[in-house]
Protein backbone atom coordinates (compact mmCIF):
# COMPACT_ATOMS: atom_id res chain seq x y z
CA MET A 1 9.79 -8.32 4.44
CA ARG A 2 7.74 -9.69 1.89
CA LEU A 3 4.11 -8.85 0.25
CA ILE A 4 1.89 -11.37 -1.18
CA ALA A 5 -0.68 -10.13 -3.36
CA VAL A 6 -3.46 -11.50 -5.11
CA GLY A 7 -3.53 -10.01 -8.86
CA LYS A 8 -0.81 -9.23 -11.06
CA LEU A 9 0.12 -5.57 -11.82
CA ARG A 10 1.33 -4.92 -15.34
CA ASP A 11 3.10 -1.82 -16.50
CA GLU A 12 0.46 0.43 -15.01
CA PRO A 13 0.86 3.72 -13.12
CA GLU A 14 0.09 1.95 -10.01
CA ALA A 15 3.08 -0.48 -10.66
CA GLN A 16 5.61 2.19 -11.34
CA LEU A 17 4.67 4.03 -8.13
CA PHE A 18 4.73 0.65 -5.99
CA ALA A 19 8.06 -0.02 -7.64
CA ALA A 20 9.46 3.59 -6.66
CA TYR A 21 8.51 3.21 -2.97
CA ARG A 22 9.62 -0.35 -2.85
CA LYS A 23 13.09 0.74 -3.66
CA ARG A 24 13.20 3.27 -0.78
CA LEU A 25 12.62 0.58 1.87
CA ARG A 26 15.30 -1.35 3.82
CA PRO A 27 15.20 -4.01 3.88
CA PRO A 28 13.67 -4.18 0.26
CA LEU A 29 9.92 -5.56 0.11
CA ALA A 30 9.97 -8.66 -1.62
CA LEU A 31 6.54 -9.27 -4.06
CA CYS A 32 4.84 -12.34 -4.65
CA GLU A 33 1.93 -12.09 -7.05
CA ILE A 34 -0.73 -14.73 -6.93
CA ALA A 35 -2.91 -15.10 -10.08
CA ASP A 36 -6.70 -14.16 -9.70
CA ALA A 37 -8.84 -17.27 -9.13
CA LYS A 38 -11.88 -18.05 -10.95
CA GLY A 39 -15.29 -19.50 -9.62
CA SER A 40 -18.15 -18.32 -7.12
CA ASP A 41 -17.14 -16.06 -4.37
CA ILE A 42 -16.64 -18.93 -1.95
CA GLU A 43 -14.31 -20.84 -4.53
CA ILE A 44 -12.25 -17.66 -5.47
CA ARG A 45 -11.43 -16.95 -1.78
CA ARG A 46 -10.66 -20.62 -1.24
CA ARG A 47 -8.48 -20.97 -4.18
CA GLU A 48 -6.53 -17.69 -3.51
CA ALA A 49 -6.38 -18.85 0.41
CA ASP A 50 -4.68 -21.73 -0.76
CA ALA A 51 -2.12 -20.32 -2.99
CA ILE A 52 -1.23 -17.66 -0.22
CA LEU A 53 -1.02 -20.19 2.26
CA GLU A 54 1.47 -22.23 0.21
CA HIS A 55 3.85 -19.23 -0.02
CA LEU A 56 4.00 -19.03 3.90
CA GLY A 57 6.72 -20.81 6.13
CA PRO A 58 5.69 -21.77 9.57
CA ARG A 59 7.69 -19.09 11.18
CA ASP A 60 6.36 -16.41 8.88
CA PHE A 61 4.75 -13.41 10.78
CA LEU A 62 1.53 -12.59 8.71
CA ILE A 63 -0.19 -9.36 8.65
CA ALA A 64 -3.27 -9.54 6.73
CA LEU A 65 -4.72 -6.29 4.89
CA ASP A 66 -8.46 -6.45 6.00
CA SER A 67 -11.14 -3.71 6.42
CA GLY A 68 -11.85 -5.37 9.86
CA GLY A 69 -8.20 -5.01 10.99
CA THR A 70 -6.64 -2.16 13.10
CA ALA A 71 -6.62 0.96 11.42
CA PRO A 72 -3.60 3.11 13.06
CA GLY A 73 -2.14 6.38 12.17
CA SER A 74 1.04 6.60 10.85
CA GLU A 75 2.85 7.08 14.01
CA ALA A 76 1.04 4.09 15.61
CA PHE A 77 1.82 2.12 12.68
CA ALA A 78 5.66 2.95 13.14
CA VAL A 79 5.31 1.45 16.63
CA LEU A 80 3.36 -1.66 15.45
CA LEU A 81 6.02 -2.18 12.79
CA GLU A 82 8.93 -2.02 14.98
CA LYS A 83 6.94 -4.26 17.52
CA TRP A 84 6.47 -7.02 14.64
CA ARG A 85 9.92 -6.76 13.65
CA THR A 86 11.35 -7.53 17.15
CA THR A 87 9.41 -10.70 16.99
CA GLY A 88 12.60 -12.08 14.92
CA ARG A 89 10.06 -13.55 12.48
CA PRO A 90 10.08 -12.78 9.03
CA LEU A 91 7.15 -10.37 8.23
CA VAL A 92 4.73 -11.04 5.57
CA PHE A 93 1.91 -8.69 4.35
CA VAL A 94 -0.82 -10.23 2.61
CA VAL A 95 -3.54 -8.26 0.03
CA GLY A 96 -6.21 -10.48 -1.06
CA GLY A 97 -8.18 -10.12 -4.23
CA ALA A 98 -11.59 -8.36 -5.17
CA GLU A 99 -13.45 -11.01 -2.91
CA GLY A 100 -11.58 -10.45 0.05
CA LEU A 101 -9.20 -12.79 2.30
CA ASP A 102 -10.64 -16.17 2.96
CA PRO A 103 -11.14 -17.03 6.91
CA SER A 104 -8.61 -19.40 6.84
CA VAL A 105 -5.82 -16.56 6.02
CA LEU A 106 -7.42 -14.45 8.63
CA ALA A 107 -7.09 -17.05 11.09
CA ARG A 108 -3.44 -17.84 10.33
CA ALA A 109 -2.77 -14.19 10.57
CA ASP A 110 -0.68 -12.80 13.30
CA GLY A 111 -2.16 -9.31 12.77
CA THR A 112 -4.62 -7.63 10.81
CA LEU A 113 -4.27 -3.98 9.24
CA SER A 114 -6.69 -1.89 7.69
CA LEU A 115 -5.92 1.00 5.53
CA GLY A 116 -9.45 2.74 6.81
CA ALA A 117 -12.85 2.62 6.27
CA MET A 118 -12.79 3.51 2.58
CA THR A 119 -12.58 0.67 0.00
CA TRP A 120 -9.51 1.04 -2.06
CA PRO A 121 -8.66 -0.66 -5.40
CA HIS A 122 -6.23 -3.55 -4.69
CA ARG A 123 -3.70 -1.92 -7.06
CA LEU A 124 -3.67 1.00 -4.83
CA VAL A 125 -3.43 -0.78 -1.47
CA ARG A 126 -0.14 -1.94 -2.41
CA VAL A 127 1.21 1.55 -3.09
CA MET A 128 -0.42 3.02 0.06
CA LEU A 129 1.17 0.04 1.98
CA ALA A 130 4.58 0.42 0.68
CA GLU A 131 4.36 4.29 1.29
CA GLN A 132 3.22 3.68 4.88
CA ILE A 133 6.16 1.18 5.56
CA PHE A 134 8.56 3.82 4.18
CA ARG A 135 6.75 6.48 6.39
CA ALA A 136 7.14 4.02 9.33
CA GLN A 137 10.96 3.77 8.52
CA ALA A 138 11.45 7.33 8.45
CA ILE A 139 9.41 7.96 11.74
CA ALA A 140 11.68 5.36 13.44
CA SER A 141 14.71 6.90 12.10
CA GLY A 142 13.71 10.54 13.09
CA HIS A 143 13.58 11.72 9.10
CA PRO A 144 11.73 14.93 8.48
CA CYS A 145 9.51 13.79 5.88
CA HIS A 146 6.55 12.99 8.39
CA ARG A 147 4.84 16.09 9.32
CA ALA A 148 4.07 15.23 13.01
CA TRP A 149 3.48 18.75 13.90
CA ARG A 150 0.34 18.93 11.72
CA PRO A 151 -2.68 18.91 14.02
CA ASN A 152 -5.42 16.65 13.61
CA ARG A 153 -8.52 17.79 11.98
């Protein structure tokens, strides 16, 4: 599995937390960081899209993190992740920059995923995605870290 993300995390607390979750994943989550583009909103999205699409292979199964995507709970995400893995294609998640993902990236995506209706800083999205992938793997393996018994509120 890979994550393509616009923006570079330096030695920030978010980078340390992302690294901690990343180490727990099997297989490990490879990270490819794309530099933030400059220009108008449209130019930024287009330039970032070009860079993202350059890092994709023709067989890659692309999951775009987008506010318009599916927003599953953790258990449903575990099912989705397993379904995506059974395609036999390399899984690649993509997190856009501050201007979001260009329509060309969304058109290339095999799936879209939302982390909810709230807006999250892109630095935290990486952490949240890595944690949810870890949680999905724990659910799939029957590990007790996920508290499925808790009622929905």
